[in-house]
Amino acid sequence: MKSSLINPSTGIYPATDYAHGNLVTGVEKLLFVSGTMGLSPDQIAPASLSEQLVLVWENLRRILDEAGMGVDNIVRLTSYMRDGSYAEANRDARLYALGGRRIPTTAIVVETLEPNWLIEIEVIAAA
């Protein structure tokens, strides 16, 4: 698999901590991960956003591992946040989890199904 970021330098606003596009070629497998929450194995959501962000990334790593992949295989990510004020912490957690690697990313403010679910992240991974 080869991954190439697509970030035109003219005629469009600049991408900051994400990429406008990611051209992926030579793919053998794709993994589409449903919205994954910051829940513990016993389905408990910690009270704080920072704790949920740690768990959501642990959960994503576990799903990726089961498919024989890792966070370096993530080619697209969508975050669903209960509150817009979570954007900076979510961005920082994403950049940390991805080792600073930029990918196409969208963050959306939503009403989650349960009020204590503060963040949900879905990804697409390729290998």
N, C-alpha and C. Protein backbone atom coordinates (compact mmCIF):
# COMPACT_ATOMS: atom_id res chain seq x y z
N MET A 1 0.84 -1.17 0.00
CA MET A 1 0.00 0.00 0.00
C MET A 1 0.88 1.24 0.00
N LYS A 2 0.46 2.22 -0.76
CA LYS A 2 1.14 3.50 -0.77
C LYS A 2 0.12 4.58 -0.45
N SER A 3 0.50 5.51 0.41
CA SER A 3 -0.38 6.59 0.83
C SER A 3 0.29 7.92 0.52
N SER A 4 -0.40 8.80 -0.20
CA SER A 4 0.14 10.12 -0.55
C SER A 4 -0.87 11.20 -0.17
N LEU A 5 -0.44 12.13 0.65
CA LEU A 5 -1.33 13.22 1.04
C LEU A 5 -1.57 14.15 -0.14
N ILE A 6 -2.79 14.63 -0.25
CA ILE A 6 -3.17 15.58 -1.29
C ILE A 6 -3.51 16.90 -0.60
N ASN A 7 -2.63 17.87 -0.74
CA ASN A 7 -2.80 19.19 -0.14
C ASN A 7 -2.44 20.26 -1.16
N PRO A 8 -3.38 20.65 -2.03
CA PRO A 8 -3.07 21.69 -3.02
C PRO A 8 -2.55 22.95 -2.33
N SER A 9 -1.55 23.59 -2.93
CA SER A 9 -0.95 24.78 -2.32
C SER A 9 -1.60 26.08 -2.78
N THR A 10 -2.45 26.02 -3.82
CA THR A 10 -3.12 27.23 -4.29
C THR A 10 -4.59 26.94 -4.56
N GLY A 11 -5.40 27.98 -4.51
CA GLY A 11 -6.81 27.87 -4.86
C GLY A 11 -7.68 27.24 -3.80
N ILE A 12 -7.14 27.00 -2.61
CA ILE A 12 -7.90 26.39 -1.53
C ILE A 12 -7.27 26.84 -0.21
N TYR A 13 -8.06 26.83 0.84
CA TYR A 13 -7.52 27.18 2.16
C TYR A 13 -6.53 26.11 2.58
N PRO A 14 -5.51 26.48 3.37
CA PRO A 14 -4.50 25.51 3.75
C PRO A 14 -4.99 24.53 4.81
N ALA A 15 -4.54 23.30 4.71
CA ALA A 15 -4.79 22.31 5.76
C ALA A 15 -3.82 22.61 6.90
N THR A 16 -4.28 22.48 8.12
CA THR A 16 -3.42 22.79 9.27
C THR A 16 -2.90 21.50 9.90
N ASP A 17 -3.64 20.93 10.82
CA ASP A 17 -3.20 19.73 11.51
C ASP A 17 -3.87 18.48 10.93
N TYR A 18 -4.27 18.55 9.69
CA TYR A 18 -4.91 17.44 8.98
C TYR A 18 -4.50 17.55 7.52
N ALA A 19 -4.97 16.65 6.69
CA ALA A 19 -4.72 16.70 5.25
C ALA A 19 -6.05 16.81 4.52
N HIS A 20 -6.04 17.53 3.39
CA HIS A 20 -7.28 17.62 2.59
C HIS A 20 -7.66 16.26 2.02
N GLY A 21 -6.68 15.51 1.57
CA GLY A 21 -6.96 14.21 0.98
C GLY A 21 -5.82 13.25 1.20
N ASN A 22 -6.11 11.98 0.96
CA ASN A 22 -5.11 10.93 1.11
C ASN A 22 -5.35 9.93 -0.02
N LEU A 23 -4.45 9.91 -0.99
CA LEU A 23 -4.55 8.99 -2.11
C LEU A 23 -3.90 7.68 -1.70
N VAL A 24 -4.69 6.61 -1.66
CA VAL A 24 -4.19 5.31 -1.23
C VAL A 24 -4.26 4.36 -2.43
N THR A 25 -3.11 3.76 -2.77
CA THR A 25 -3.04 2.83 -3.88
C THR A 25 -2.40 1.52 -3.41
N GLY A 26 -2.60 0.47 -4.17
CA GLY A 26 -2.01 -0.81 -3.84
C GLY A 26 -2.56 -1.42 -2.56
N VAL A 27 -3.85 -1.24 -2.33
CA VAL A 27 -4.48 -1.71 -1.10
C VAL A 27 -4.84 -3.18 -1.23
N GLU A 28 -4.49 -3.96 -0.21
CA GLU A 28 -4.90 -5.36 -0.12
C GLU A 28 -6.11 -5.53 0.76
N LYS A 29 -6.23 -4.67 1.79
CA LYS A 29 -7.40 -4.78 2.66
C LYS A 29 -7.78 -3.41 3.20
N LEU A 30 -9.09 -3.24 3.41
CA LEU A 30 -9.66 -2.03 3.99
C LEU A 30 -10.43 -2.42 5.24
N LEU A 31 -10.32 -1.60 6.27
CA LEU A 31 -11.06 -1.82 7.50
C LEU A 31 -11.89 -0.57 7.77
N PHE A 32 -13.19 -0.73 7.88
CA PHE A 32 -14.10 0.36 8.21
C PHE A 32 -14.53 0.14 9.65
N VAL A 33 -14.13 1.06 10.53
CA VAL A 33 -14.40 0.91 11.96
C VAL A 33 -15.57 1.81 12.34
N SER A 34 -16.57 1.21 12.94
CA SER A 34 -17.74 1.98 13.38
C SER A 34 -17.33 2.98 14.45
N GLY A 35 -18.22 3.90 14.75
CA GLY A 35 -17.95 4.86 15.81
C GLY A 35 -17.56 4.14 17.08
N THR A 36 -16.36 4.43 17.57
CA THR A 36 -15.81 3.76 18.74
C THR A 36 -15.76 4.77 19.88
N MET A 37 -16.23 4.34 21.03
CA MET A 37 -16.35 5.25 22.17
C MET A 37 -15.26 5.00 23.19
N GLY A 38 -15.13 5.94 24.09
CA GLY A 38 -14.18 5.84 25.19
C GLY A 38 -14.79 5.08 26.35
N LEU A 39 -15.16 3.84 26.11
CA LEU A 39 -15.76 3.00 27.13
C LEU A 39 -14.76 1.94 27.57
N SER A 40 -14.82 1.57 28.83
CA SER A 40 -14.01 0.47 29.34
C SER A 40 -14.63 -0.85 28.89
N PRO A 41 -13.92 -1.97 29.05
CA PRO A 41 -14.50 -3.26 28.64
C PRO A 41 -15.84 -3.58 29.32
N ASP A 42 -16.08 -3.01 30.50
CA ASP A 42 -17.37 -3.24 31.17
C ASP A 42 -18.40 -2.17 30.81
N GLN A 43 -18.15 -1.46 29.71
CA GLN A 43 -19.07 -0.48 29.12
C GLN A 43 -19.29 0.76 29.99
N ILE A 44 -18.29 1.12 30.78
CA ILE A 44 -18.37 2.31 31.62
C ILE A 44 -17.63 3.44 30.93
N ALA A 45 -18.27 4.60 30.87
CA ALA A 45 -17.64 5.80 30.32
C ALA A 45 -17.09 6.62 31.48
N PRO A 46 -15.77 6.83 31.53
CA PRO A 46 -15.23 7.68 32.59
C PRO A 46 -15.85 9.08 32.50
N ALA A 47 -15.78 9.81 33.59
CA ALA A 47 -16.42 11.13 33.65
C ALA A 47 -15.71 12.18 32.81
N SER A 48 -14.40 12.07 32.65
CA SER A 48 -13.65 13.15 31.99
C SER A 48 -13.39 12.84 30.52
N LEU A 49 -13.31 13.91 29.74
CA LEU A 49 -12.99 13.79 28.32
C LEU A 49 -11.61 13.18 28.14
N SER A 50 -10.63 13.61 28.93
CA SER A 50 -9.27 13.08 28.76
C SER A 50 -9.23 11.57 28.98
N GLU A 51 -9.96 11.07 29.96
CA GLU A 51 -10.01 9.62 30.19
C GLU A 51 -10.70 8.90 29.03
N GLN A 52 -11.75 9.50 28.50
CA GLN A 52 -12.45 8.88 27.37
C GLN A 52 -11.58 8.89 26.11
N LEU A 53 -10.79 9.95 25.93
CA LEU A 53 -9.89 9.99 24.77
C LEU A 53 -8.83 8.90 24.86
N VAL A 54 -8.31 8.66 26.05
CA VAL A 54 -7.34 7.57 26.23
C VAL A 54 -7.99 6.24 25.87
N LEU A 55 -9.19 6.00 26.39
CA LEU A 55 -9.89 4.74 26.12
C LEU A 55 -10.28 4.59 24.66
N VAL A 56 -10.74 5.66 24.03
CA VAL A 56 -11.15 5.52 22.63
C VAL A 56 -9.97 5.10 21.78
N TRP A 57 -8.79 5.66 22.04
CA TRP A 57 -7.61 5.28 21.26
C TRP A 57 -7.13 3.88 21.62
N GLU A 58 -7.26 3.47 22.88
CA GLU A 58 -6.95 2.08 23.24
C GLU A 58 -7.89 1.13 22.51
N ASN A 59 -9.17 1.48 22.47
CA ASN A 59 -10.16 0.64 21.79
C ASN A 59 -9.89 0.57 20.29
N LEU A 60 -9.55 1.71 19.67
CA LEU A 60 -9.22 1.70 18.25
C LEU A 60 -7.99 0.85 17.97
N ARG A 61 -6.96 0.97 18.81
CA ARG A 61 -5.77 0.13 18.63
C ARG A 61 -6.11 -1.35 18.72
N ARG A 62 -7.00 -1.71 19.62
CA ARG A 62 -7.39 -3.12 19.79
C ARG A 62 -8.12 -3.63 18.55
N ILE A 63 -9.02 -2.82 18.00
CA ILE A 63 -9.74 -3.20 16.78
C ILE A 63 -8.77 -3.34 15.61
N LEU A 64 -7.88 -2.36 15.46
CA LEU A 64 -6.89 -2.41 14.38
C LEU A 64 -6.00 -3.64 14.52
N ASP A 65 -5.56 -3.92 15.74
CA ASP A 65 -4.70 -5.07 16.00
C ASP A 65 -5.39 -6.37 15.58
N GLU A 66 -6.66 -6.48 15.86
CA GLU A 66 -7.41 -7.68 15.49
C GLU A 66 -7.41 -7.89 13.98
N ALA A 67 -7.29 -6.79 13.22
CA ALA A 67 -7.26 -6.86 11.76
C ALA A 67 -5.83 -6.93 11.22
N GLY A 68 -4.85 -7.02 12.13
CA GLY A 68 -3.46 -7.07 11.69
C GLY A 68 -2.95 -5.71 11.24
N MET A 69 -3.49 -4.66 11.83
CA MET A 69 -3.12 -3.29 11.47
C MET A 69 -2.78 -2.51 12.72
N GLY A 70 -2.30 -1.28 12.50
CA GLY A 70 -2.01 -0.37 13.60
C GLY A 70 -2.46 1.04 13.23
N VAL A 71 -2.19 1.99 14.08
CA VAL A 71 -2.63 3.36 13.82
C VAL A 71 -2.00 3.94 12.56
N ASP A 72 -0.83 3.43 12.14
CA ASP A 72 -0.22 3.90 10.90
C ASP A 72 -1.04 3.53 9.68
N ASN A 73 -1.98 2.59 9.83
CA ASN A 73 -2.83 2.20 8.71
C ASN A 73 -4.08 3.07 8.59
N ILE A 74 -4.34 3.94 9.56
CA ILE A 74 -5.53 4.80 9.48
C ILE A 74 -5.32 5.82 8.37
N VAL A 75 -6.29 5.87 7.44
CA VAL A 75 -6.21 6.79 6.31
C VAL A 75 -7.31 7.85 6.33
N ARG A 76 -8.28 7.71 7.23
CA ARG A 76 -9.40 8.67 7.33
C ARG A 76 -9.99 8.55 8.71
N LEU A 77 -10.39 9.69 9.31
CA LEU A 77 -10.92 9.69 10.66
C LEU A 77 -12.03 10.74 10.80
N THR A 78 -13.11 10.35 11.47
CA THR A 78 -14.18 11.28 11.81
C THR A 78 -14.42 11.22 13.31
N SER A 79 -14.41 12.39 13.94
CA SER A 79 -14.69 12.49 15.38
C SER A 79 -16.07 13.08 15.57
N TYR A 80 -16.81 12.49 16.49
CA TYR A 80 -18.12 12.99 16.88
C TYR A 80 -18.01 13.42 18.34
N MET A 81 -18.12 14.71 18.57
CA MET A 81 -17.93 15.27 19.91
C MET A 81 -19.26 15.80 20.44
N ARG A 82 -19.49 15.59 21.71
CA ARG A 82 -20.72 16.08 22.33
C ARG A 82 -20.71 17.59 22.47
N ASP A 83 -19.53 18.20 22.51
CA ASP A 83 -19.42 19.65 22.72
C ASP A 83 -18.27 20.19 21.89
N GLY A 84 -18.47 21.32 21.24
CA GLY A 84 -17.43 21.93 20.42
C GLY A 84 -16.19 22.32 21.20
N SER A 85 -16.32 22.51 22.49
CA SER A 85 -15.15 22.87 23.30
C SER A 85 -14.17 21.70 23.43
N TYR A 86 -14.55 20.51 22.97
CA TYR A 86 -13.67 19.35 23.03
C TYR A 86 -12.69 19.29 21.85
N ALA A 87 -12.83 20.20 20.90
CA ALA A 87 -12.07 20.12 19.65
C ALA A 87 -10.56 20.11 19.87
N GLU A 88 -10.06 20.99 20.70
CA GLU A 88 -8.61 21.07 20.90
C GLU A 88 -8.06 19.80 21.56
N ALA A 89 -8.71 19.32 22.60
CA ALA A 89 -8.26 18.09 23.27
C ALA A 89 -8.34 16.91 22.32
N ASN A 90 -9.39 16.85 21.52
CA ASN A 90 -9.55 15.78 20.54
C ASN A 90 -8.43 15.83 19.50
N ARG A 91 -8.14 17.02 19.00
CA ARG A 91 -7.05 17.19 18.02
C ARG A 91 -5.73 16.75 18.62
N ASP A 92 -5.45 17.20 19.84
CA ASP A 92 -4.18 16.85 20.48
C ASP A 92 -4.05 15.35 20.69
N ALA A 93 -5.14 14.70 21.10
CA ALA A 93 -5.12 13.24 21.30
C ALA A 93 -4.90 12.53 19.98
N ARG A 94 -5.55 13.01 18.91
CA ARG A 94 -5.38 12.40 17.58
C ARG A 94 -3.95 12.53 17.10
N LEU A 95 -3.39 13.73 17.19
CA LEU A 95 -2.01 13.94 16.74
C LEU A 95 -1.03 13.10 17.56
N TYR A 96 -1.27 12.99 18.86
CA TYR A 96 -0.41 12.16 19.70
C TYR A 96 -0.53 10.68 19.31
N ALA A 97 -1.76 10.20 19.15
CA ALA A 97 -1.98 8.80 18.80
C ALA A 97 -1.37 8.46 17.44
N LEU A 98 -1.40 9.39 16.51
CA LEU A 98 -0.88 9.15 15.17
C LEU A 98 0.58 9.55 15.04
N GLY A 99 1.22 9.92 16.13
CA GLY A 99 2.62 10.32 16.08
C GLY A 99 2.85 11.56 15.25
N GLY A 100 1.87 12.47 15.22
CA GLY A 100 1.97 13.70 14.44
C GLY A 100 1.60 13.55 12.98
N ARG A 101 1.31 12.34 12.54
CA ARG A 101 0.95 12.10 11.13
C ARG A 101 -0.39 12.76 10.82
N ARG A 102 -0.45 13.46 9.70
CA ARG A 102 -1.69 14.11 9.28
C ARG A 102 -2.46 13.21 8.33
N ILE A 103 -3.77 13.20 8.50
CA ILE A 103 -4.67 12.44 7.63
C ILE A 103 -5.92 13.28 7.41
N PRO A 104 -6.75 12.93 6.42
CA PRO A 104 -8.03 13.61 6.29
C PRO A 104 -8.88 13.35 7.54
N THR A 105 -9.40 14.43 8.10
CA THR A 105 -10.10 14.37 9.38
C THR A 105 -11.30 15.30 9.35
N THR A 106 -12.38 14.85 9.96
CA THR A 106 -13.56 15.70 10.15
C THR A 106 -13.99 15.58 11.60
N ALA A 107 -14.35 16.71 12.19
CA ALA A 107 -14.88 16.71 13.56
C ALA A 107 -16.28 17.31 13.52
N ILE A 108 -17.21 16.63 14.15
CA ILE A 108 -18.61 17.03 14.13
C ILE A 108 -19.13 17.09 15.56
N VAL A 109 -19.91 18.12 15.85
CA VAL A 109 -20.56 18.23 17.16
C VAL A 109 -21.94 17.60 17.03
N VAL A 110 -22.22 16.64 17.92
CA VAL A 110 -23.46 15.87 17.85
C VAL A 110 -24.03 15.66 19.24
N GLU A 111 -25.27 15.23 19.28
CA GLU A 111 -25.85 14.74 20.52
C GLU A 111 -25.65 13.23 20.51
N THR A 112 -24.86 12.72 21.44
CA THR A 112 -24.60 11.29 21.49
C THR A 112 -25.81 10.57 22.07
N LEU A 113 -25.87 9.25 21.88
CA LEU A 113 -27.01 8.47 22.35
C LEU A 113 -27.12 8.46 23.87
N GLU A 114 -25.99 8.55 24.54
CA GLU A 114 -25.95 8.62 26.00
C GLU A 114 -25.24 9.91 26.38
N PRO A 115 -25.75 10.68 27.33
CA PRO A 115 -25.13 11.96 27.66
C PRO A 115 -23.72 11.85 28.23
N ASN A 116 -23.35 10.70 28.79
CA ASN A 116 -21.99 10.55 29.33
C ASN A 116 -20.99 10.08 28.29
N TRP A 117 -21.42 9.81 27.05
CA TRP A 117 -20.50 9.51 25.96
C TRP A 117 -20.07 10.83 25.36
N LEU A 118 -18.85 11.24 25.62
CA LEU A 118 -18.37 12.57 25.22
C LEU A 118 -17.73 12.60 23.85
N ILE A 119 -17.18 11.46 23.40
CA ILE A 119 -16.46 11.41 22.13
C ILE A 119 -16.69 10.06 21.48
N GLU A 120 -16.78 10.06 20.18
CA GLU A 120 -16.89 8.82 19.40
C GLU A 120 -16.05 9.04 18.15
N ILE A 121 -15.25 8.06 17.78
CA ILE A 121 -14.37 8.22 16.62
C ILE A 121 -14.54 7.01 15.70
N GLU A 122 -14.69 7.29 14.40
CA GLU A 122 -14.69 6.21 13.41
C GLU A 122 -13.52 6.43 12.48
N VAL A 123 -12.97 5.32 12.02
CA VAL A 123 -11.80 5.40 11.14
C VAL A 123 -11.96 4.45 9.97
N ILE A 124 -11.17 4.75 8.94
CA ILE A 124 -10.95 3.83 7.82
C ILE A 124 -9.45 3.55 7.81
N ALA A 125 -9.10 2.28 7.75
CA ALA A 125 -7.69 1.88 7.71
C ALA A 125 -7.47 1.04 6.45
N ALA A 126 -6.25 1.11 5.94
CA ALA A 126 -5.91 0.38 4.72
C ALA A 126 -4.53 -0.24 4.87
N ALA A 127 -4.38 -1.38 4.25
CA ALA A 127 -3.07 -2.06 4.25
C ALA A 127 -2.88 -2.76 2.92
